[in-house]
C-alpha atoms as a PDB file:
ATOM      1  CA  MET A   1     -13.845 -34.482  46.360  1.00  0.00           C
ATOM      2  CA  ASP A   2     -13.471 -32.243  43.308  1.00  0.00           C
ATOM      3  CA  LYS A   3     -13.238 -29.212  45.579  1.00  0.00           C
ATOM      4  CA  PHE A   4     -10.457 -30.901  47.531  1.00  0.00           C
ATOM      5  CA  HIS A   5      -8.451 -31.683  44.379  1.00  0.00           C
ATOM      6  CA  LYS A   6      -8.920 -28.146  43.068  1.00  0.00           C
ATOM      7  CA  LYS A   7      -7.821 -26.659  46.421  1.00  0.00           C
ATOM      8  CA  ASN A   8      -4.806 -28.997  46.514  1.00  0.00           C
ATOM      9  CA  ALA A   9      -3.802 -28.013  42.959  1.00  0.00           C
ATOM     10  CA  ILE A  10      -4.095 -24.315  43.800  1.00  0.00           C
ATOM     11  CA  ASP A  11      -1.992 -24.768  46.921  1.00  0.00           C
ATOM     12  CA  LYS A  12       0.726 -26.587  44.988  1.00  0.00           C
ATOM     13  CA  LYS A  13       0.760 -23.854  42.365  1.00  0.00           C
ATOM     14  CA  LYS A  14       1.109 -21.173  45.023  1.00  0.00           C
ATOM     15  CA  GLU A  15       3.840 -23.184  46.709  1.00  0.00           C
ATOM     16  CA  ALA A  16       5.748 -23.526  43.412  1.00  0.00           C
ATOM     17  CA  GLU A  17       5.421 -19.790  42.777  1.00  0.00           C
ATOM     18  CA  LEU A  18       6.619 -19.049  46.297  1.00  0.00           C
ATOM     19  CA  ILE A  19       9.640 -21.315  45.899  1.00  0.00           C
ATOM     20  CA  GLN A  20      10.465 -19.678  42.574  1.00  0.00           C
ATOM     21  CA  LYS A  21      10.177 -16.219  44.101  1.00  0.00           C
ATOM     22  CA  ASP A  22      12.393 -17.146  47.052  1.00  0.00           C
ATOM     23  CA  GLU A  23      15.027 -18.897  44.906  1.00  0.00           C
ATOM     24  CA  PHE A  24      17.394 -15.907  44.914  1.00  0.00           C
ATOM     25  CA  ALA A  25      16.163 -14.257  48.101  1.00  0.00           C
ATOM     26  CA  ASP A  26      19.459 -14.765  49.917  1.00  0.00           C
ATOM     27  CA  PHE A  27      21.682 -13.684  46.997  1.00  0.00           C
ATOM     28  CA  GLU A  28      24.089 -10.934  48.095  1.00  0.00           C
ATOM     29  CA  GLY A  29      25.950 -10.171  44.850  1.00  0.00           C
ATOM     30  CA  SER A  30      25.528  -7.232  42.500  1.00  0.00           C
ATOM     31  CA  LYS A  31      22.457  -6.672  40.353  1.00  0.00           C
ATOM     32  CA  SER A  32      24.287  -7.646  37.142  1.00  0.00           C
ATOM     33  CA  GLU A  33      25.490 -10.879  38.776  1.00  0.00           C
ATOM     34  CA  LEU A  34      21.916 -11.635  39.866  1.00  0.00           C
ATOM     35  CA  ILE A  35      20.615 -11.083  36.336  1.00  0.00           C
ATOM     36  CA  PHE A  36      23.305 -13.377  34.930  1.00  0.00           C
ATOM     37  CA  LEU A  37      22.502 -16.046  37.548  1.00  0.00           C
ATOM     38  CA  LYS A  38      18.796 -15.902  36.768  1.00  0.00           C
ATOM     39  CA  PHE A  39      19.560 -16.133  33.059  1.00  0.00           C
ATOM     40  CA  THR A  40      21.752 -19.251  33.481  1.00  0.00           C
ATOM     41  CA  HIS A  41      19.060 -20.885  35.622  1.00  0.00           C
ATOM     42  CA  PHE A  42      16.493 -20.085  32.944  1.00  0.00           C
ATOM     43  CA  LEU A  43      18.708 -21.714  30.295  1.00  0.00           C
ATOM     44  CA  VAL A  44      19.119 -24.829  32.432  1.00  0.00           C
ATOM     45  CA  ARG A  45      15.378 -25.166  33.015  1.00  0.00           C
ATOM     46  CA  ASN A  46      14.513 -24.501  29.354  1.00  0.00           C
ATOM     47  CA  ARG A  47      17.592 -25.905  27.617  1.00  0.00           C
ATOM     48  CA  LYS A  48      15.556 -28.014  25.169  1.00  0.00           C
ATOM     49  CA  ASN A  49      13.422 -25.109  23.943  1.00  0.00           C
ATOM     50  CA  VAL A  50      16.423 -22.783  23.850  1.00  0.00           C
ATOM     51  CA  PHE A  51      18.440 -25.277  21.815  1.00  0.00           C
ATOM     52  CA  ILE A  52      15.586 -25.743  19.325  1.00  0.00           C
ATOM     53  CA  SER A  53      15.127 -21.960  18.965  1.00  0.00           C
ATOM     54  CA  ILE A  54      18.850 -21.378  18.364  1.00  0.00           C
ATOM     55  CA  THR A  55      18.980 -24.213  15.824  1.00  0.00           C
ATOM     56  CA  VAL A  56      15.977 -22.831  13.925  1.00  0.00           C
ATOM     57  CA  ALA A  57      17.487 -19.317  13.942  1.00  0.00           C
ATOM     58  CA  ILE A  58      20.816 -20.622  12.602  1.00  0.00           C
ATOM     59  CA  VAL A  59      19.096 -22.607   9.853  1.00  0.00           C
ATOM     60  CA  LEU A  60      16.998 -19.592   8.803  1.00  0.00           C
ATOM     61  CA  LEU A  61      20.014 -17.281   8.809  1.00  0.00           C
ATOM     62  CA  ALA A  62      22.058 -19.748   6.762  1.00  0.00           C
ATOM     63  CA  SER A  63      19.168 -20.104   4.292  1.00  0.00           C
ATOM     64  CA  VAL A  64      18.841 -16.324   3.838  1.00  0.00           C
ATOM     65  CA  ILE A  65      22.595 -15.856   3.394  1.00  0.00           C
ATOM     66  CA  GLY A  66      22.730 -18.782   0.983  1.00  0.00           C
ATOM     67  CA  PHE A  67      19.842 -17.387  -1.075  1.00  0.00           C
ATOM     68  CA  PHE A  68      21.467 -13.974  -1.508  1.00  0.00           C
ATOM     69  CA  GLU A  69      24.856 -15.495  -2.263  1.00  0.00           C
ATOM     70  CA  PHE A  70      23.253 -17.690  -4.919  1.00  0.00           C
ATOM     71  CA  ARG A  71      21.465 -14.680  -6.447  1.00  0.00           C
ATOM     72  CA  ASP A  72      24.733 -12.757  -6.498  1.00  0.00           C
ATOM     73  CA  TYR A  73      26.456 -15.715  -8.156  1.00  0.00           C
ATOM     74  CA  GLN A  74      23.700 -15.853 -10.787  1.00  0.00           C
ATOM     75  CA  PHE A  75      24.042 -12.112 -11.431  1.00  0.00           C
ATOM     76  CA  GLN A  76      27.817 -12.371 -11.877  1.00  0.00           C
ATOM     77  CA  LYS A  77      27.358 -15.347 -14.177  1.00  0.00           C
ATOM     78  CA  GLU A  78      24.779 -13.514 -16.293  1.00  0.00           C
ATOM     79  CA  THR A  79      26.975 -10.407 -16.474  1.00  0.00           C
ATOM     80  CA  VAL A  80      29.841 -12.469 -17.878  1.00  0.00           C
ATOM     81  CA  ALA A  81      27.468 -14.246 -20.288  1.00  0.00           C
ATOM     82  CA  LEU A  82      26.167 -10.906 -21.622  1.00  0.00           C
ATOM     83  CA  GLU A  83      29.678  -9.541 -22.140  1.00  0.00           C
ATOM     84  CA  ASP A  84      30.685 -12.765 -23.925  1.00  0.00           C
ATOM     85  CA  LEU A  85      27.627 -12.434 -26.168  1.00  0.00           C
ATOM     86  CA  LYS A  86      28.553  -8.863 -27.113  1.00  0.00           C
ATOM     87  CA  ILE A  87      32.158  -9.845 -27.850  1.00  0.00           C
ATOM     88  CA  LEU A  88      30.931 -12.763 -29.964  1.00  0.00           C
ATOM     89  CA  ASN A  89      28.612 -10.472 -31.940  1.00  0.00           C
ATOM     90  CA  GLN A  90      31.452  -8.031 -32.652  1.00  0.00           C
ATOM     91  CA  LYS A  91      33.926 -10.774 -33.500  1.00  0.00           C
ATOM     92  CA  ASN A  92      31.591 -12.495 -35.940  1.00  0.00           C
ATOM     93  CA  LYS A  93      30.252  -9.169 -37.264  1.00  0.00           C
ATOM     94  CA  LEU A  94      26.671 -10.376 -37.003  1.00  0.00           C
ATOM     95  CA  ASP A  95      23.966  -8.303 -38.656  1.00  0.00           C
ATOM     96  CA  LEU A  96      21.517  -6.299 -36.556  1.00  0.00           C
ATOM     97  CA  GLU A  97      18.739  -8.881 -36.740  1.00  0.00           C
ATOM     98  CA  LYS A  98      20.929 -11.697 -35.386  1.00  0.00           C
ATOM     99  CA  GLN A  99      22.272  -9.449 -32.617  1.00  0.00           C
ATOM    100  CA  ILE A 100      18.698  -8.582 -31.633  1.00  0.00           C
ATOM    101  CA  GLN A 101      17.693 -12.254 -31.649  1.00  0.00           C
ATOM    102  CA  GLY A 102      20.658 -13.173 -29.449  1.00  0.00           C
ATOM    103  CA  LEU A 103      19.803 -10.501 -26.888  1.00  0.00           C
ATOM    104  CA  GLU A 104      16.129 -11.443 -26.868  1.00  0.00           C
ATOM    105  CA  VAL A 105      17.034 -15.076 -26.165  1.00  0.00           C
ATOM    106  CA  PHE A 106      19.369 -13.971 -23.381  1.00  0.00           C
ATOM    107  CA  LEU A 107      16.599 -11.787 -21.928  1.00  0.00           C
ATOM    108  CA  LYS A 108      14.232 -14.761 -21.739  1.00  0.00           C
ATOM    109  CA  GLU A 109      16.805 -17.077 -20.178  1.00  0.00           C
ATOM    110  CA  GLN A 110      18.211 -14.736 -17.498  1.00  0.00           C
ATOM    111  CA  ASN A 111      16.810 -15.427 -14.031  1.00  0.00           C
ATOM    112  CA  THR A 112      17.796 -12.581 -11.723  1.00  0.00           C
ATOM    113  CA  GLY A 113      15.919  -9.794 -13.515  1.00  0.00           C
ATOM    114  CA  LYS A 114      18.895  -7.509 -12.857  1.00  0.00           C
ATOM    115  CA  MET A 115      20.077  -7.640 -16.471  1.00  0.00           C
ATOM    116  CA  GLU A 116      16.907  -6.278 -18.031  1.00  0.00           C
ATOM    117  CA  LEU A 117      17.884  -2.598 -17.962  1.00  0.00           C
ATOM    118  CA  ARG A 118      21.224  -3.267 -19.687  1.00  0.00           C
ATOM    119  CA  VAL A 119      19.661  -5.510 -22.301  1.00  0.00           C
ATOM    120  CA  TRP A 120      16.767  -3.118 -22.927  1.00  0.00           C
ATOM    121  CA  LYS A 121      19.230  -0.287 -23.621  1.00  0.00           C
ATOM    122  CA  ASP A 122      21.193  -2.472 -26.042  1.00  0.00           C
ATOM    123  CA  LEU A 123      18.032  -3.668 -27.793  1.00  0.00           C
ATOM    124  CA  SER A 124      16.769  -0.097 -28.070  1.00  0.00           C
ATOM    125  CA  LYS A 125      20.003   1.000 -29.739  1.00  0.00           C
ATOM    126  CA  LEU A 126      19.960  -1.918 -32.192  1.00  0.00           C
ATOM    127  CA  HIS A 127      16.308  -1.375 -33.153  1.00  0.00           C
ATOM    128  CA  ALA A 128      16.999   2.348 -33.688  1.00  0.00           C
ATOM    129  CA  GLU A 129      19.941   1.497 -35.966  1.00  0.00           C
ATOM    130  CA  LYS A 130      17.614  -0.833 -37.849  1.00  0.00           C
ATOM    131  CA  GLY A 131      15.054   1.959 -38.219  1.00  0.00           C
ATOM    132  CA  GLU A 132      12.470   0.329 -35.946  1.00  0.00           C
ATOM    133  CA  PHE A 133      11.946   3.410 -33.806  1.00  0.00           C
ATOM    134  CA  GLY A 134       8.720   2.239 -32.168  1.00  0.00           C
ATOM    135  CA  LYS A 135      10.415  -0.835 -30.707  1.00  0.00           C
ATOM    136  CA  ALA A 136      13.467   1.228 -29.778  1.00  0.00           C
ATOM    137  CA  ALA A 137      11.258   3.672 -27.865  1.00  0.00           C
ATOM    138  CA  GLU A 138       9.320   0.905 -26.137  1.00  0.00           C
ATOM    139  CA  TYR A 139      12.437  -0.586 -24.542  1.00  0.00           C
ATOM    140  CA  LEU A 140      13.528   2.809 -23.204  1.00  0.00           C
ATOM    141  CA  GLU A 141      10.029   3.546 -21.912  1.00  0.00           C
ATOM    142  CA  ASN A 142      10.142   0.254 -20.001  1.00  0.00           C
ATOM    143  CA  ALA A 143      13.557   1.190 -18.620  1.00  0.00           C
ATOM    144  CA  GLY A 144      12.288   4.627 -17.569  1.00  0.00           C
ATOM    145  CA  LYS A 145       9.322   3.105 -15.754  1.00  0.00           C
ATOM    146  CA  ARG A 146      11.554   0.603 -13.977  1.00  0.00           C
ATOM    147  CA  ILE A 147      13.852   3.096 -12.232  1.00  0.00           C
ATOM    148  CA  ASP A 148      13.178   6.126 -10.037  1.00  0.00           C
ATOM    149  CA  SER A 149      16.751   7.210  -9.382  1.00  0.00           C
ATOM    150  CA  PRO A 150      18.933   8.725 -10.469  1.00  0.00           C
ATOM    151  CA  LYS A 151      16.191  10.886 -11.915  1.00  0.00           C
ATOM    152  CA  GLU A 152      18.566  12.352 -14.513  1.00  0.00           C
ATOM    153  CA  MET A 153      18.918   8.859 -15.996  1.00  0.00           C
ATOM    154  CA  LYS A 154      15.169   8.272 -15.822  1.00  0.00           C
ATOM    155  CA  GLY A 155      14.626  11.593 -17.615  1.00  0.00           C
ATOM    156  CA  LEU A 156      17.214  10.676 -20.258  1.00  0.00           C
ATOM    157  CA  TYR A 157      15.431   7.398 -21.053  1.00  0.00           C
ATOM    158  CA  PHE A 158      12.142   9.186 -21.650  1.00  0.00           C
ATOM    159  CA  TYR A 159      13.825  12.025 -23.568  1.00  0.00           C
ATOM    160  CA  ILE A 160      15.455   9.638 -26.061  1.00  0.00           C
ATOM    161  CA  ALA A 161      12.236   7.612 -26.245  1.00  0.00           C
ATOM    162  CA  GLY A 162      10.435  10.838 -27.174  1.00  0.00           C
ATOM    163  CA  ASN A 163      12.925  11.376 -29.986  1.00  0.00           C
ATOM    164  CA  TYR A 164      12.383   7.832 -31.266  1.00  0.00           C
ATOM    165  CA  ARG A 165       8.588   8.223 -31.116  1.00  0.00           C
ATOM    166  CA  GLU A 166       8.844  11.407 -33.162  1.00  0.00           C
ATOM    167  CA  HIS A 167      10.912   9.550 -35.775  1.00  0.00           C
ATOM    168  CA  GLU A 168       8.080   7.017 -35.781  1.00  0.00           C
ATOM    169  CA  ASN A 169       5.728   9.967 -36.429  1.00  0.00           C
ATOM    170  CA  ASN A 170       3.851   9.197 -33.211  1.00  0.00           C
ATOM    171  CA  LEU A 171       3.589  12.777 -31.948  1.00  0.00           C
ATOM    172  CA  ALA A 172       1.175  11.991 -29.115  1.00  0.00           C
ATOM    173  CA  LYS A 173       3.508   9.414 -27.601  1.00  0.00           C
ATOM    174  CA  SER A 174       6.533  11.604 -28.291  1.00  0.00           C
ATOM    175  CA  LEU A 175       4.904  14.488 -26.405  1.00  0.00           C
ATOM    176  CA  GLU A 176       4.056  12.161 -23.516  1.00  0.00           C
ATOM    177  CA  ASN A 177       7.685  11.038 -23.219  1.00  0.00           C
ATOM    178  CA  TYR A 178       9.156  14.540 -23.456  1.00  0.00           C
ATOM    179  CA  GLN A 179       6.700  15.806 -20.875  1.00  0.00           C
ATOM    180  CA  THR A 180       7.539  12.897 -18.558  1.00  0.00           C
ATOM    181  CA  ALA A 181      11.229  13.778 -18.865  1.00  0.00           C
ATOM    182  CA  SER A 182      10.420  17.416 -18.031  1.00  0.00           C
ATOM    183  CA  VAL A 183       8.401  16.453 -14.955  1.00  0.00           C
ATOM    184  CA  VAL A 184      11.090  14.032 -13.739  1.00  0.00           C
ATOM    185  CA  LEU A 185      13.772  16.726 -14.058  1.00  0.00           C
ATOM    186  CA  GLU A 186      11.617  19.498 -12.547  1.00  0.00           C
ATOM    187  CA  THR A 187      13.184  19.297  -9.081  1.00  0.00           C
ATOM    188  CA  SER A 188      16.708  18.514 -10.252  1.00  0.00           C
ATOM    189  CA  ARG A 189      19.209  21.280  -9.490  1.00  0.00           C
ATOM    190  CA  GLU A 190      21.811  19.862 -11.832  1.00  0.00           C
ATOM    191  CA  LEU A 191      22.019  19.571 -15.610  1.00  0.00           C
ATOM    192  CA  ASN A 192      19.977  22.687 -16.279  1.00  0.00           C
ATOM    193  CA  GLY A 193      21.054  22.510 -19.898  1.00  0.00           C
ATOM    194  CA  PHE A 194      19.435  19.099 -20.287  1.00  0.00           C
ATOM    195  CA  LYS A 195      16.363  20.341 -18.438  1.00  0.00           C
ATOM    196  CA  ALA A 196      16.153  23.315 -20.841  1.00  0.00           C
ATOM    197  CA  TRP A 197      16.200  20.964 -23.829  1.00  0.00           C
ATOM    198  CA  SER A 198      13.472  18.819 -22.228  1.00  0.00           C
ATOM    199  CA  TYR A 199      11.288  21.893 -21.711  1.00  0.00           C
ATOM    200  CA  TYR A 200      11.949  23.034 -25.272  1.00  0.00           C
ATOM    201  CA  GLN A 201      11.074  19.665 -26.809  1.00  0.00           C
ATOM    202  CA  THR A 202       7.907  19.460 -24.711  1.00  0.00           C
ATOM    203  CA  GLY A 203       6.915  22.975 -25.747  1.00  0.00           C
ATOM    204  CA  ARG A 204       7.707  22.218 -29.404  1.00  0.00           C
ATOM    205  CA  LEU A 205       5.530  19.089 -29.371  1.00  0.00           C
ATOM    206  CA  PHE A 206       2.684  20.998 -27.732  1.00  0.00           C
ATOM    207  CA  TYR A 207       3.088  23.555 -30.530  1.00  0.00           C
ATOM    208  CA  LEU A 208       3.002  20.849 -33.208  1.00  0.00           C
ATOM    209  CA  THR A 209      -0.091  19.227 -31.674  1.00  0.00           C
ATOM    210  CA  GLY A 210      -1.930  22.554 -31.448  1.00  0.00           C
ATOM    211  CA  ASP A 211      -1.822  23.371 -27.709  1.00  0.00           C
ATOM    212  CA  LYS A 212      -0.378  26.898 -27.840  1.00  0.00           C
ATOM    213  CA  THR A 213      -0.937  27.672 -24.167  1.00  0.00           C
ATOM    214  CA  LYS A 214       1.062  24.670 -22.994  1.00  0.00           C
ATOM    215  CA  ALA A 215       3.669  25.281 -25.680  1.00  0.00           C
ATOM    216  CA  LYS A 216       4.244  28.815 -24.398  1.00  0.00           C
ATOM    217  CA  GLU A 217       4.438  27.601 -20.791  1.00  0.00           C
ATOM    218  CA  PHE A 218       7.245  25.104 -21.466  1.00  0.00           C
ATOM    219  CA  LEU A 219       9.155  27.309 -23.889  1.00  0.00           C
ATOM    220  CA  GLU A 220       9.233  30.099 -21.318  1.00  0.00           C
ATOM    221  CA  LYS A 221      10.435  27.615 -18.706  1.00  0.00           C
ATOM    222  CA  SER A 222      13.300  26.758 -21.012  1.00  0.00           C
ATOM    223  CA  LEU A 223      14.349  30.409 -21.239  1.00  0.00           C
ATOM    224  CA  LYS A 224      14.026  31.166 -17.539  1.00  0.00           C
ATOM    225  CA  LEU A 225      16.309  28.418 -16.265  1.00  0.00           C
ATOM    226  CA  GLU A 226      19.286  29.694 -14.320  1.00  0.00           C
ATOM    227  CA  GLY A 227      22.608  28.482 -15.658  1.00  0.00           C
ATOM    228  CA  ALA A 228      21.100  27.732 -19.057  1.00  0.00           C
ATOM    229  CA  GLU A 229      22.360  30.982 -20.592  1.00  0.00           C
ATOM    230  CA  SER A 230      25.286  29.152 -22.172  1.00  0.00           C
ATOM    231  CA  GLN A 231      22.831  26.907 -24.018  1.00  0.00           C
ATOM    232  CA  ASP A 232      22.608  29.275 -26.957  1.00  0.00           C
ATOM    233  CA  ASP A 233      20.979  26.803 -29.329  1.00  0.00           C
ATOM    234  CA  VAL A 234      18.076  25.886 -27.082  1.00  0.00           C
ATOM    235  CA  ARG A 235      17.511  29.552 -26.144  1.00  0.00           C
ATOM    236  CA  LEU A 236      17.408  30.622 -29.768  1.00  0.00           C
ATOM    237  CA  LEU A 237      15.042  27.786 -30.709  1.00  0.00           C
ATOM    238  CA  SER A 238      12.731  28.518 -27.785  1.00  0.00           C
ATOM    239  CA  SER A 239      12.721  32.241 -28.616  1.00  0.00           C
ATOM    240  CA  TYR A 240      11.969  31.503 -32.264  1.00  0.00           C
ATOM    241  CA  LEU A 241       8.958  29.334 -31.410  1.00  0.00           C
ATOM    242  CA  LEU A 242       7.689  31.921 -28.954  1.00  0.00           C
ATOM    243  CA  LEU A 243       7.859  34.542 -31.706  1.00  0.00           C
ATOM    244  CA  LYS A 244       5.900  32.225 -33.997  1.00  0.00           C
ATOM    245  CA  LEU A 245       3.320  31.719 -31.260  1.00  0.00           C
ATOM    246  CA  GLY A 246       3.020  35.494 -30.883  1.00  0.00           C
ATOM    247  CA  LYS A 247       2.246  35.895 -34.563  1.00  0.00           C
ATOM    248  CA  THR A 248      -0.502  33.262 -34.596  1.00  0.00           C
END
């Protein structure tokens, strides 16, 4: 009995497949018309599943678009709030400490994360004006680590951070920042003057920390840069340190 039922089920399946195969056997239109006809028949047979799939796709697309529109709205709102805060600080002539506090509060309350670079730069400037060079450098170091391009801007963050660290008398960290700026700018074909200064500062810090070999390497790089001939100051300073290295 089981064999009979199995055979009957197999026969029905084959019959259904045969009917499906022969459904368009007598169609005499073009190939594109046949494809369209098959597609419409498929939609009719599977209209429930197709409708559910389309609905789900529309809902997902609307959710994604809504999310990005909301994030953009938040960013615009935070941009306006930051500008209003700066105007308020200038209008009320707040001291540096209160300006720093206001920006730190704003930094904690912002949600998009897109305002951090702008706020870090402002906080760095305020801390430097206050004489807190370590904190000023830290914000720029964070900014430099956050971005990869444009590399000239990344190099500038680390270059200024190196200057602040030197004011803090942290020569090891200052050297690290100057060297990072030099490495970042290594492949840049623009701003050779800035690159020359980065090489010089790196060489100078190597000189101050006692690594004469590295100092010579970066100072010579500063002199060899094409297009840096007009940078008379950096060339003279690099040459002077190289002469000092030759006498020691």
